[in-house]
């Protein structure tokens, strides 16, 4: 192919063509490596589970073990890799190769921020679920407070599908605080622990809590323009316990706590401290945090 260009045609410099070629090759190699890295990283993270499964297959002479052991060298390496406890024999080629691969994969995960440690919904399943709520108060004792549940809280907890509002769920997940009582906790002994949890939570997230309460107050005004502006806005944390999927109450959620977390009084600044107050479950009062 001739390097000559037609009259009026602009010729790309040779060095630029080489740079583009190197960039394309590098991008291709990166894509190929990523296609190898993702399944390899997940398999290496499951090495212990695979070893356990292989040990069971070997003990029961499962067809998987018989199939893998067709080749004598493969049988020897797999036997060494899944060796029983107490076997201090030196590691074989398979074990050394997997260790080297794990080192390389962990290094790549560290420098690129791609750790593959997630497990989705297995083997552990959530046993608690939280939904934030906002409660509005007025000075008029004849006007009862109004509670705004989270837009993410289903109307029917036994029949719902999550769709949309992902950003709101992410936001409220930073506001949630699961308050539960320990199995061996003495009567009312959990209140001091809850107080510390709430205080630390409000102190660490007071700016986010203030922004969220201000947004919810704007939403309240938009939905109820006929009502006066509340004098205080309270963030509540509601926690449900999810029933055992194999038990009689699999579809019943049990409320384990519904506790105020923080209070904001629009138009009022505390004499000193944070603009949102933390709730003290022992005294059932709000306190200003320094």
C-alpha atoms as a PDB file:
ATOM      1  CA  UNK A   1       0.000   0.000   0.000  1.00  0.00           C
ATOM      2  CA  UNK A   2       1.439   3.332  -0.947  1.00  0.00           C
ATOM      3  CA  UNK A   3       1.961   6.006   1.687  1.00  0.00           C
ATOM      4  CA  UNK A   4       1.307   8.673  -0.887  1.00  0.00           C
ATOM      5  CA  UNK A   5      -1.753  10.798  -0.263  1.00  0.00           C
ATOM      6  CA  UNK A   6      -4.089  12.228  -2.805  1.00  0.00           C
ATOM      7  CA  UNK A   7      -3.857  15.921  -3.641  1.00  0.00           C
ATOM      8  CA  UNK A   8      -5.577  17.915  -0.937  1.00  0.00           C
ATOM      9  CA  UNK A   9      -5.722  14.912   1.413  1.00  0.00           C
ATOM     10  CA  UNK A  10      -4.182  15.510   4.817  1.00  0.00           C
ATOM     11  CA  UNK A  11      -1.665  12.827   5.732  1.00  0.00           C
ATOM     12  CA  UNK A  12      -1.478  11.537   9.323  1.00  0.00           C
ATOM     13  CA  UNK A  13       2.070  11.674  10.693  1.00  0.00           C
ATOM     14  CA  UNK A  14       3.749   8.310  11.196  1.00  0.00           C
ATOM     15  CA  UNK A  15       4.335   8.853  14.911  1.00  0.00           C
ATOM     16  CA  UNK A  16       0.658   9.604  15.425  1.00  0.00           C
ATOM     17  CA  UNK A  17      -0.360   6.411  13.618  1.00  0.00           C
ATOM     18  CA  UNK A  18       1.981   4.437  15.852  1.00  0.00           C
ATOM     19  CA  UNK A  19       0.552   6.037  18.972  1.00  0.00           C
ATOM     20  CA  UNK A  20      -2.980   5.164  17.820  1.00  0.00           C
ATOM     21  CA  UNK A  21      -1.897   1.593  17.084  1.00  0.00           C
ATOM     22  CA  UNK A  22      -0.330   1.202  20.531  1.00  0.00           C
ATOM     23  CA  UNK A  23      -3.447   2.682  22.147  1.00  0.00           C
ATOM     24  CA  UNK A  24      -5.730   0.275  20.292  1.00  0.00           C
ATOM     25  CA  UNK A  25      -3.600  -2.727  21.147  1.00  0.00           C
ATOM     26  CA  UNK A  26      -3.421  -1.610  24.778  1.00  0.00           C
ATOM     27  CA  UNK A  27      -7.179  -1.171  24.943  1.00  0.00           C
ATOM     28  CA  UNK A  28      -7.707  -4.612  23.444  1.00  0.00           C
ATOM     29  CA  UNK A  29      -5.342  -6.223  25.936  1.00  0.00           C
ATOM     30  CA  UNK A  30      -7.050  -4.392  28.788  1.00  0.00           C
ATOM     31  CA  UNK A  31     -10.472  -5.681  27.696  1.00  0.00           C
ATOM     32  CA  UNK A  32      -9.179  -9.238  27.368  1.00  0.00           C
ATOM     33  CA  UNK A  33      -7.549  -9.025  30.809  1.00  0.00           C
ATOM     34  CA  UNK A  34     -10.767  -7.695  32.372  1.00  0.00           C
ATOM     35  CA  UNK A  35     -12.715 -10.575  30.810  1.00  0.00           C
ATOM     36  CA  UNK A  36     -10.257 -12.949  32.466  1.00  0.00           C
ATOM     37  CA  UNK A  37      -9.921 -11.036  35.737  1.00  0.00           C
ATOM     38  CA  UNK A  38     -13.593 -10.888  36.741  1.00  0.00           C
ATOM     39  CA  UNK A  39     -14.379 -14.639  36.690  1.00  0.00           C
ATOM     40  CA  UNK A  40     -10.902 -15.522  37.974  1.00  0.00           C
ATOM     41  CA  UNK A  41     -11.175 -13.165  40.945  1.00  0.00           C
ATOM     42  CA  UNK A  42     -14.556 -14.544  41.937  1.00  0.00           C
ATOM     43  CA  UNK A  43     -13.381 -18.143  41.619  1.00  0.00           C
ATOM     44  CA  UNK A  44     -10.295 -17.470  43.727  1.00  0.00           C
ATOM     45  CA  UNK A  45     -12.421 -15.784  46.389  1.00  0.00           C
ATOM     46  CA  UNK A  46     -14.455 -18.988  46.574  1.00  0.00           C
ATOM     47  CA  UNK A  47     -11.389 -21.225  46.932  1.00  0.00           C
ATOM     48  CA  UNK A  48     -12.311 -22.452  50.408  1.00  0.00           C
ATOM     49  CA  UNK A  49     -15.837 -23.340  49.306  1.00  0.00           C
ATOM     50  CA  UNK A  50     -14.488 -25.155  46.261  1.00  0.00           C
ATOM     51  CA  UNK A  51     -12.017 -27.070  48.423  1.00  0.00           C
ATOM     52  CA  UNK A  52     -14.791 -28.078  50.803  1.00  0.00           C
ATOM     53  CA  UNK A  53     -16.957 -29.241  47.926  1.00  0.00           C
ATOM     54  CA  UNK A  54     -14.082 -31.210  46.438  1.00  0.00           C
ATOM     55  CA  UNK A  55     -13.362 -32.859  49.800  1.00  0.00           C
ATOM     56  CA  UNK A  56     -16.983 -33.966  50.078  1.00  0.00           C
ATOM     57  CA  UNK A  57     -16.913 -35.247  46.504  1.00  0.00           C
ATOM     58  CA  UNK A  58     -13.742 -37.218  47.272  1.00  0.00           C
ATOM     59  CA  UNK A  59     -15.102 -38.676  50.522  1.00  0.00           C
ATOM     60  CA  UNK A  60     -18.321 -39.774  48.817  1.00  0.00           C
ATOM     61  CA  UNK A  61     -16.580 -40.855  45.628  1.00  0.00           C
ATOM     62  CA  UNK A  62     -18.871 -38.542  43.716  1.00  0.00           C
ATOM     63  CA  UNK A  63     -18.865 -38.626  39.926  1.00  0.00           C
ATOM     64  CA  UNK A  64     -17.259 -35.160  39.945  1.00  0.00           C
ATOM     65  CA  UNK A  65     -14.262 -36.548  41.794  1.00  0.00           C
ATOM     66  CA  UNK A  66     -14.088 -39.569  39.539  1.00  0.00           C
ATOM     67  CA  UNK A  67     -14.251 -37.344  36.459  1.00  0.00           C
ATOM     68  CA  UNK A  68     -11.562 -34.971  37.716  1.00  0.00           C
ATOM     69  CA  UNK A  69      -9.360 -37.854  38.706  1.00  0.00           C
ATOM     70  CA  UNK A  70      -9.181 -39.521  35.308  1.00  0.00           C
ATOM     71  CA  UNK A  71      -5.642 -38.236  34.780  1.00  0.00           C
ATOM     72  CA  UNK A  72      -3.113 -39.449  37.418  1.00  0.00           C
ATOM     73  CA  UNK A  73      -1.347 -36.058  37.622  1.00  0.00           C
ATOM     74  CA  UNK A  74      -4.631 -34.207  37.962  1.00  0.00           C
ATOM     75  CA  UNK A  75      -5.730 -36.573  40.732  1.00  0.00           C
ATOM     76  CA  UNK A  76      -2.468 -36.036  42.597  1.00  0.00           C
ATOM     77  CA  UNK A  77      -2.630 -32.248  42.319  1.00  0.00           C
ATOM     78  CA  UNK A  78      -6.285 -32.098  43.344  1.00  0.00           C
ATOM     79  CA  UNK A  79      -5.611 -34.457  46.254  1.00  0.00           C
ATOM     80  CA  UNK A  80      -2.842 -32.171  47.436  1.00  0.00           C
ATOM     81  CA  UNK A  81      -4.936 -29.010  46.914  1.00  0.00           C
ATOM     82  CA  UNK A  82      -7.889 -30.373  48.910  1.00  0.00           C
ATOM     83  CA  UNK A  83      -5.755 -32.268  51.418  1.00  0.00           C
ATOM     84  CA  UNK A  84      -7.330 -32.987  54.800  1.00  0.00           C
ATOM     85  CA  UNK A  85      -6.410 -31.021  57.964  1.00  0.00           C
ATOM     86  CA  UNK A  86      -3.130 -32.049  59.532  1.00  0.00           C
ATOM     87  CA  UNK A  87      -1.464 -32.873  56.225  1.00  0.00           C
ATOM     88  CA  UNK A  88       1.773 -30.851  56.286  1.00  0.00           C
ATOM     89  CA  UNK A  89       3.074 -31.960  52.917  1.00  0.00           C
ATOM     90  CA  UNK A  90       4.629 -29.190  50.791  1.00  0.00           C
ATOM     91  CA  UNK A  91       2.269 -27.395  48.393  1.00  0.00           C
ATOM     92  CA  UNK A  92       2.069 -28.746  44.885  1.00  0.00           C
ATOM     93  CA  UNK A  93       2.076 -27.002  41.521  1.00  0.00           C
ATOM     94  CA  UNK A  94      -1.668 -26.315  41.584  1.00  0.00           C
ATOM     95  CA  UNK A  95      -1.565 -24.731  45.023  1.00  0.00           C
ATOM     96  CA  UNK A  96       1.470 -22.594  44.177  1.00  0.00           C
ATOM     97  CA  UNK A  97      -0.102 -21.500  40.906  1.00  0.00           C
ATOM     98  CA  UNK A  98      -3.358 -20.506  42.602  1.00  0.00           C
ATOM     99  CA  UNK A  99      -1.454 -18.548  45.243  1.00  0.00           C
ATOM    100  CA  UNK A 100       0.464 -16.647  42.571  1.00  0.00           C
ATOM    101  CA  UNK A 101      -2.753 -15.946  40.683  1.00  0.00           C
ATOM    102  CA  UNK A 102      -4.427 -14.744  43.897  1.00  0.00           C
ATOM    103  CA  UNK A 103      -1.520 -12.375  44.557  1.00  0.00           C
ATOM    104  CA  UNK A 104      -1.764 -10.907  41.040  1.00  0.00           C
ATOM    105  CA  UNK A 105      -5.546 -10.605  41.192  1.00  0.00           C
ATOM    106  CA  UNK A 106      -5.470  -8.914  44.612  1.00  0.00           C
ATOM    107  CA  UNK A 107      -2.811  -6.478  43.384  1.00  0.00           C
ATOM    108  CA  UNK A 108      -4.915  -5.547  40.349  1.00  0.00           C
ATOM    109  CA  UNK A 109      -8.033  -5.206  42.474  1.00  0.00           C
ATOM    110  CA  UNK A 110      -6.179  -2.886  44.847  1.00  0.00           C
ATOM    111  CA  UNK A 111      -4.766  -0.480  42.271  1.00  0.00           C
ATOM    112  CA  UNK A 112      -7.970  -0.325  40.188  1.00  0.00           C
ATOM    113  CA  UNK A 113     -10.537  -0.379  42.982  1.00  0.00           C
ATOM    114  CA  UNK A 114     -12.275  -3.540  41.766  1.00  0.00           C
ATOM    115  CA  UNK A 115     -12.480  -5.851  44.789  1.00  0.00           C
ATOM    116  CA  UNK A 116     -14.732  -8.821  44.096  1.00  0.00           C
ATOM    117  CA  UNK A 117     -15.849  -9.474  47.660  1.00  0.00           C
ATOM    118  CA  UNK A 118     -19.575  -9.052  47.167  1.00  0.00           C
ATOM    119  CA  UNK A 119     -22.019 -11.888  47.747  1.00  0.00           C
ATOM    120  CA  UNK A 120     -25.394 -10.380  46.757  1.00  0.00           C
ATOM    121  CA  UNK A 121     -28.040 -12.172  48.844  1.00  0.00           C
ATOM    122  CA  UNK A 122     -26.214 -15.381  49.701  1.00  0.00           C
ATOM    123  CA  UNK A 123     -25.180 -17.070  51.871  1.00  0.00           C
ATOM    124  CA  UNK A 124     -26.302 -14.450  54.426  1.00  0.00           C
ATOM    125  CA  UNK A 125     -29.749 -12.859  54.169  1.00  0.00           C
ATOM    126  CA  UNK A 126     -30.809  -9.592  55.759  1.00  0.00           C
ATOM    127  CA  UNK A 127     -32.780 -10.083  58.958  1.00  0.00           C
ATOM    128  CA  UNK A 128     -33.521  -6.404  59.617  1.00  0.00           C
ATOM    129  CA  UNK A 129     -34.819  -3.668  57.355  1.00  0.00           C
ATOM    130  CA  UNK A 130     -35.050   0.061  58.042  1.00  0.00           C
ATOM    131  CA  UNK A 131     -37.223   2.826  56.656  1.00  0.00           C
ATOM    132  CA  UNK A 132     -36.812   6.454  57.642  1.00  0.00           C
ATOM    133  CA  UNK A 133     -39.813   8.564  58.602  1.00  0.00           C
ATOM    134  CA  UNK A 134     -40.239  12.259  59.322  1.00  0.00           C
ATOM    135  CA  UNK A 135     -42.609  13.599  61.978  1.00  0.00           C
ATOM    136  CA  UNK A 136     -43.893  17.201  61.997  1.00  0.00           C
ATOM    137  CA  UNK A 137     -44.935  19.078  65.147  1.00  0.00           C
ATOM    138  CA  UNK A 138     -46.771  22.340  65.826  1.00  0.00           C
ATOM    139  CA  UNK A 139     -47.081  24.601  68.860  1.00  0.00           C
ATOM    140  CA  UNK A 140     -50.849  24.181  68.824  1.00  0.00           C
ATOM    141  CA  UNK A 141     -51.649  21.314  71.242  1.00  0.00           C
ATOM    142  CA  UNK A 142     -54.915  20.757  69.404  1.00  0.00           C
ATOM    143  CA  UNK A 143     -53.051  19.851  66.228  1.00  0.00           C
ATOM    144  CA  UNK A 144     -51.593  16.329  66.426  1.00  0.00           C
ATOM    145  CA  UNK A 145     -48.235  15.580  64.836  1.00  0.00           C
ATOM    146  CA  UNK A 146     -48.122  14.190  61.309  1.00  0.00           C
ATOM    147  CA  UNK A 147     -45.816  11.389  60.216  1.00  0.00           C
ATOM    148  CA  UNK A 148     -44.472  11.164  56.678  1.00  0.00           C
ATOM    149  CA  UNK A 149     -43.202   7.635  55.996  1.00  0.00           C
ATOM    150  CA  UNK A 150     -40.389   7.111  53.560  1.00  0.00           C
ATOM    151  CA  UNK A 151     -41.364   7.049  49.899  1.00  0.00           C
ATOM    152  CA  UNK A 152     -39.454   3.763  49.806  1.00  0.00           C
ATOM    153  CA  UNK A 153     -41.628   2.103  52.433  1.00  0.00           C
ATOM    154  CA  UNK A 154     -44.133  -0.202  50.708  1.00  0.00           C
ATOM    155  CA  UNK A 155     -47.801   0.313  51.449  1.00  0.00           C
ATOM    156  CA  UNK A 156     -48.121  -3.467  51.773  1.00  0.00           C
ATOM    157  CA  UNK A 157     -45.075  -5.121  53.315  1.00  0.00           C
ATOM    158  CA  UNK A 158     -46.215  -8.545  52.134  1.00  0.00           C
ATOM    159  CA  UNK A 159     -46.665  -7.670  48.468  1.00  0.00           C
ATOM    160  CA  UNK A 160     -44.437  -5.145  46.714  1.00  0.00           C
ATOM    161  CA  UNK A 161     -41.822  -4.678  44.013  1.00  0.00           C
ATOM    162  CA  UNK A 162     -38.979  -2.164  44.221  1.00  0.00           C
ATOM    163  CA  UNK A 163     -38.738   0.038  41.152  1.00  0.00           C
ATOM    164  CA  UNK A 164     -37.113   3.443  40.880  1.00  0.00           C
ATOM    165  CA  UNK A 165     -36.053   5.782  43.692  1.00  0.00           C
ATOM    166  CA  UNK A 166     -32.587   4.216  43.798  1.00  0.00           C
ATOM    167  CA  UNK A 167     -30.864   7.479  44.730  1.00  0.00           C
ATOM    168  CA  UNK A 168     -33.364   8.091  47.526  1.00  0.00           C
ATOM    169  CA  UNK A 169     -32.757   4.584  48.889  1.00  0.00           C
ATOM    170  CA  UNK A 170     -29.030   5.216  48.851  1.00  0.00           C
ATOM    171  CA  UNK A 171     -29.529   8.492  50.683  1.00  0.00           C
ATOM    172  CA  UNK A 172     -31.824   7.065  53.331  1.00  0.00           C
ATOM    173  CA  UNK A 173     -29.529   4.090  53.872  1.00  0.00           C
ATOM    174  CA  UNK A 174     -26.992   6.580  55.260  1.00  0.00           C
ATOM    175  CA  UNK A 175     -29.642   7.952  57.647  1.00  0.00           C
ATOM    176  CA  UNK A 176     -30.960   4.615  58.895  1.00  0.00           C
ATOM    177  CA  UNK A 177     -29.968   3.335  62.291  1.00  0.00           C
ATOM    178  CA  UNK A 178     -31.090  -0.161  63.284  1.00  0.00           C
ATOM    179  CA  UNK A 179     -31.895  -0.036  67.000  1.00  0.00           C
ATOM    180  CA  UNK A 180     -32.497  -3.479  68.457  1.00  0.00           C
ATOM    181  CA  UNK A 181     -32.269  -5.011  71.904  1.00  0.00           C
ATOM    182  CA  UNK A 182     -29.622  -7.648  72.574  1.00  0.00           C
ATOM    183  CA  UNK A 183     -30.696 -11.125  73.617  1.00  0.00           C
ATOM    184  CA  UNK A 184     -28.851 -10.996  76.958  1.00  0.00           C
ATOM    185  CA  UNK A 185     -29.364  -7.289  77.615  1.00  0.00           C
ATOM    186  CA  UNK A 186     -30.867  -6.344  80.963  1.00  0.00           C
ATOM    187  CA  UNK A 187     -34.199  -4.572  81.200  1.00  0.00           C
ATOM    188  CA  UNK A 188     -33.774  -0.996  79.930  1.00  0.00           C
ATOM    189  CA  UNK A 189     -30.036  -1.618  79.680  1.00  0.00           C
ATOM    190  CA  UNK A 190     -30.180  -0.995  75.956  1.00  0.00           C
ATOM    191  CA  UNK A 191     -31.198   2.651  76.391  1.00  0.00           C
ATOM    192  CA  UNK A 192     -27.711   3.887  77.248  1.00  0.00           C
ATOM    193  CA  UNK A 193     -26.299   1.962  74.304  1.00  0.00           C
ATOM    194  CA  UNK A 194     -28.953   3.431  72.027  1.00  0.00           C
ATOM    195  CA  UNK A 195     -28.153   6.893  73.335  1.00  0.00           C
ATOM    196  CA  UNK A 196     -24.496   6.513  72.387  1.00  0.00           C
ATOM    197  CA  UNK A 197     -25.379   5.091  68.969  1.00  0.00           C
ATOM    198  CA  UNK A 198     -27.793   7.938  68.239  1.00  0.00           C
ATOM    199  CA  UNK A 199     -25.390  10.639  69.443  1.00  0.00           C
ATOM    200  CA  UNK A 200     -22.522   9.318  67.331  1.00  0.00           C
ATOM    201  CA  UNK A 201     -24.812   8.879  64.316  1.00  0.00           C
ATOM    202  CA  UNK A 202     -26.161  12.431  64.528  1.00  0.00           C
ATOM    203  CA  UNK A 203     -22.730  13.918  65.160  1.00  0.00           C
ATOM    204  CA  UNK A 204     -21.231  12.126  62.158  1.00  0.00           C
ATOM    205  CA  UNK A 205     -24.142  12.819  59.784  1.00  0.00           C
ATOM    206  CA  UNK A 206     -25.672  16.082  61.016  1.00  0.00           C
ATOM    207  CA  UNK A 207     -25.196  17.910  57.710  1.00  0.00           C
ATOM    208  CA  UNK A 208     -26.861  15.133  55.723  1.00  0.00           C
ATOM    209  CA  UNK A 209     -29.669  14.851  58.274  1.00  0.00           C
ATOM    210  CA  UNK A 210     -30.271  18.613  58.149  1.00  0.00           C
ATOM    211  CA  UNK A 211     -30.398  18.619  54.340  1.00  0.00           C
ATOM    212  CA  UNK A 212     -32.793  15.650  54.332  1.00  0.00           C
ATOM    213  CA  UNK A 213     -35.147  17.192  56.902  1.00  0.00           C
ATOM    214  CA  UNK A 214     -35.142  20.513  55.035  1.00  0.00           C
ATOM    215  CA  UNK A 215     -36.037  18.697  51.811  1.00  0.00           C
ATOM    216  CA  UNK A 216     -38.840  16.779  53.522  1.00  0.00           C
ATOM    217  CA  UNK A 217     -40.160  20.008  54.996  1.00  0.00           C
ATOM    218  CA  UNK A 218     -40.307  21.552  51.517  1.00  0.00           C
ATOM    219  CA  UNK A 219     -42.185  18.455  50.328  1.00  0.00           C
ATOM    220  CA  UNK A 220     -44.615  18.810  53.218  1.00  0.00           C
ATOM    221  CA  UNK A 221     -45.306  22.443  52.377  1.00  0.00           C
ATOM    222  CA  UNK A 222     -45.891  21.542  48.744  1.00  0.00           C
ATOM    223  CA  UNK A 223     -48.336  18.760  49.597  1.00  0.00           C
ATOM    224  CA  UNK A 224     -50.136  20.643  52.372  1.00  0.00           C
ATOM    225  CA  UNK A 225     -50.146  24.354  51.582  1.00  0.00           C
ATOM    226  CA  UNK A 226     -53.252  24.784  53.750  1.00  0.00           C
ATOM    227  CA  UNK A 227     -51.340  23.874  56.949  1.00  0.00           C
ATOM    228  CA  UNK A 228     -49.071  26.192  58.942  1.00  0.00           C
ATOM    229  CA  UNK A 229     -45.335  25.581  58.929  1.00  0.00           C
ATOM    230  CA  UNK A 230     -44.271  23.037  61.571  1.00  0.00           C
ATOM    231  CA  UNK A 231     -42.087  24.299  64.393  1.00  0.00           C
ATOM    232  CA  UNK A 232     -40.033  21.112  64.611  1.00  0.00           C
ATOM    233  CA  UNK A 233     -39.144  18.287  62.260  1.00  0.00           C
ATOM    234  CA  UNK A 234     -38.077  14.931  63.695  1.00  0.00           C
ATOM    235  CA  UNK A 235     -36.252  12.108  61.930  1.00  0.00           C
ATOM    236  CA  UNK A 236     -37.392   8.664  63.047  1.00  0.00           C
ATOM    237  CA  UNK A 237     -35.773   5.292  62.388  1.00  0.00           C
ATOM    238  CA  UNK A 238     -38.152   2.374  61.962  1.00  0.00           C
ATOM    239  CA  UNK A 239     -36.765  -1.143  62.112  1.00  0.00           C
ATOM    240  CA  UNK A 240     -38.547  -4.334  61.121  1.00  0.00           C
ATOM    241  CA  UNK A 241     -37.410  -7.904  61.714  1.00  0.00           C
ATOM    242  CA  UNK A 242     -37.885 -10.174  58.710  1.00  0.00           C
ATOM    243  CA  UNK A 243     -39.330 -13.583  59.492  1.00  0.00           C
ATOM    244  CA  UNK A 244     -37.502 -16.840  58.949  1.00  0.00           C
ATOM    245  CA  UNK A 245     -38.137 -17.862  55.313  1.00  0.00           C
ATOM    246  CA  UNK A 246     -38.809 -21.423  56.483  1.00  0.00           C
ATOM    247  CA  UNK A 247     -40.843 -20.492  59.552  1.00  0.00           C
ATOM    248  CA  UNK A 248     -44.553 -19.897  60.099  1.00  0.00           C
ATOM    249  CA  UNK A 249     -44.086 -16.096  60.018  1.00  0.00           C
ATOM    250  CA  UNK A 250     -42.089 -15.956  56.803  1.00  0.00           C
ATOM    251  CA  UNK A 251     -44.296 -13.216  55.331  1.00  0.00           C
ATOM    252  CA  UNK A 252     -44.784 -11.235  58.537  1.00  0.00           C
ATOM    253  CA  UNK A 253     -42.508  -8.328  59.409  1.00  0.00           C
ATOM    254  CA  UNK A 254     -42.328  -7.452  63.080  1.00  0.00           C
ATOM    255  CA  UNK A 255     -41.632  -3.889  64.236  1.00  0.00           C
ATOM    256  CA  UNK A 256     -38.724  -4.049  66.680  1.00  0.00           C
ATOM    257  CA  UNK A 257     -38.162  -0.292  67.120  1.00  0.00           C
ATOM    258  CA  UNK A 258     -39.623   3.041  66.049  1.00  0.00           C
ATOM    259  CA  UNK A 259     -37.409   5.640  67.668  1.00  0.00           C
ATOM    260  CA  UNK A 260     -36.745   9.359  67.087  1.00  0.00           C
ATOM    261  CA  UNK A 261     -33.189  10.053  66.001  1.00  0.00           C
ATOM    262  CA  UNK A 262     -32.767  13.785  65.460  1.00  0.00           C
ATOM    263  CA  UNK A 263     -34.777  17.000  65.655  1.00  0.00           C
ATOM    264  CA  UNK A 264     -34.503  20.191  63.653  1.00  0.00           C
ATOM    265  CA  UNK A 265     -36.376  23.341  64.595  1.00  0.00           C
ATOM    266  CA  UNK A 266     -36.641  25.557  61.497  1.00  0.00           C
ATOM    267  CA  UNK A 267     -35.814  29.187  62.146  1.00  0.00           C
ATOM    268  CA  UNK A 268     -34.216  28.423  65.510  1.00  0.00           C
ATOM    269  CA  UNK A 269     -30.550  27.963  66.123  1.00  0.00           C
ATOM    270  CA  UNK A 270     -29.425  26.159  69.261  1.00  0.00           C
ATOM    271  CA  UNK A 271     -27.466  28.379  71.674  1.00  0.00           C
ATOM    272  CA  UNK A 272     -24.352  26.361  70.878  1.00  0.00           C
ATOM    273  CA  UNK A 273     -23.609  23.123  69.111  1.00  0.00           C
ATOM    274  CA  UNK A 274     -24.985  21.369  66.072  1.00  0.00           C
ATOM    275  CA  UNK A 275     -28.123  22.619  64.274  1.00  0.00           C
ATOM    276  CA  UNK A 276     -29.830  19.223  64.777  1.00  0.00           C
ATOM    277  CA  UNK A 277     -30.412  17.710  68.195  1.00  0.00           C
ATOM    278  CA  UNK A 278     -29.934  14.071  69.145  1.00  0.00           C
ATOM    279  CA  UNK A 279     -32.611  12.049  70.896  1.00  0.00           C
ATOM    280  CA  UNK A 280     -31.942  10.513  74.309  1.00  0.00           C
ATOM    281  CA  UNK A 281     -34.117   7.384  74.657  1.00  0.00           C
ATOM    282  CA  UNK A 282     -33.433   7.194  78.399  1.00  0.00           C
ATOM    283  CA  UNK A 283     -34.875  10.641  79.196  1.00  0.00           C
ATOM    284  CA  UNK A 284     -37.066  10.806  76.066  1.00  0.00           C
ATOM    285  CA  UNK A 285     -35.740  14.268  75.355  1.00  0.00           C
ATOM    286  CA  UNK A 286     -33.595  15.873  72.675  1.00  0.00           C
ATOM    287  CA  UNK A 287     -30.156  17.180  73.537  1.00  0.00           C
ATOM    288  CA  UNK A 288     -27.849  19.648  71.829  1.00  0.00           C
ATOM    289  CA  UNK A 289     -24.580  18.098  70.710  1.00  0.00           C
ATOM    290  CA  UNK A 290     -21.373  20.136  70.913  1.00  0.00           C
END
